[in-house]
């Protein structure tokens, strides 16, 4: 039983690893608080589900779903850069709009995919072992996306993207257009999020308009946990840490469920995980200082007894 739970946890962690990478880009690379994620995740699920039930090839449907996420992210960037609306509010406006758009796309609140042809059912016919099919497929997809993202962030445009988050004034002084770079970065980030949503709906067997609720917290938790586990500023290790953080997060949720927590308690479990991850350095420093003070007091007492 535990082996099945662990396998399912890793599979979900890999899917949400794409979401975490999509959150990592704006929050850590661009220094942009983007809440579009909660709308672009179900957008990817909605678009891919509708296209699949209408007979489109699931690979093409998933790719188109990813492109719709790119468009959603770029809209947030345009609202922020061209209309001069703060990034947080721009993301909220896009996210709110996407709820209605997703309902329009789906035509109803839920679309089942249990008898439809998905990426997993197509690849199943290639002869891969059925038991580990999802694990193999999602591992390959996530590793491919990670390597492509690492490569992109070391290209000239990727370096400009990273520099825009660190020092937009410097980029502008060198003649770069920070608005265009920011729009590109947000589009890429939400494309990854929409891809995660498209894969999630095919894995779970349904697309639901409420799938995006809490996704920003899940993404942030994965990023923060990954940074605690793998402390580095190198992009290749940071993106790997984000994926590991996503798997650890899903594992923590699975353990919480096995310990008897109700599904309705998962939000507070997530909040506690984020608090512990964020507060880990402070707690560690406090424990070190407390231990040092205790040793100092013991030494002082020993010296007093000697004298």
Foldseek 3Di string as FASTA:
>chain_A
DVVLLLLVLLLLLLLLLLLLVLLCLCVPQQVFDAQLLLLLLLQLQLQLLLCQVVPDDSVVSLLVSLQVQLVLQLQLLCCCPVVVDGSVVSNVVSSVVSLVVSCVSNVHFKHFQPPTDHPQNVVVVVPDDNVCSSVVVSVVVSVVVLVVLLVCLPDPLNVLSNVNNVPVPVCVVVVHDSSVSSSNSSSNSSSSSSSSSNVVCVVVRMRGSSVSVCSSLLSLQLLLQLCLVDPDPRSSSSSVSSSVSSSVLSVQLSVCVVVPDDPVCVVVVSVVSSCCSVCVVVVVVVVVVVVVVVVVVVVVVVVVVVD
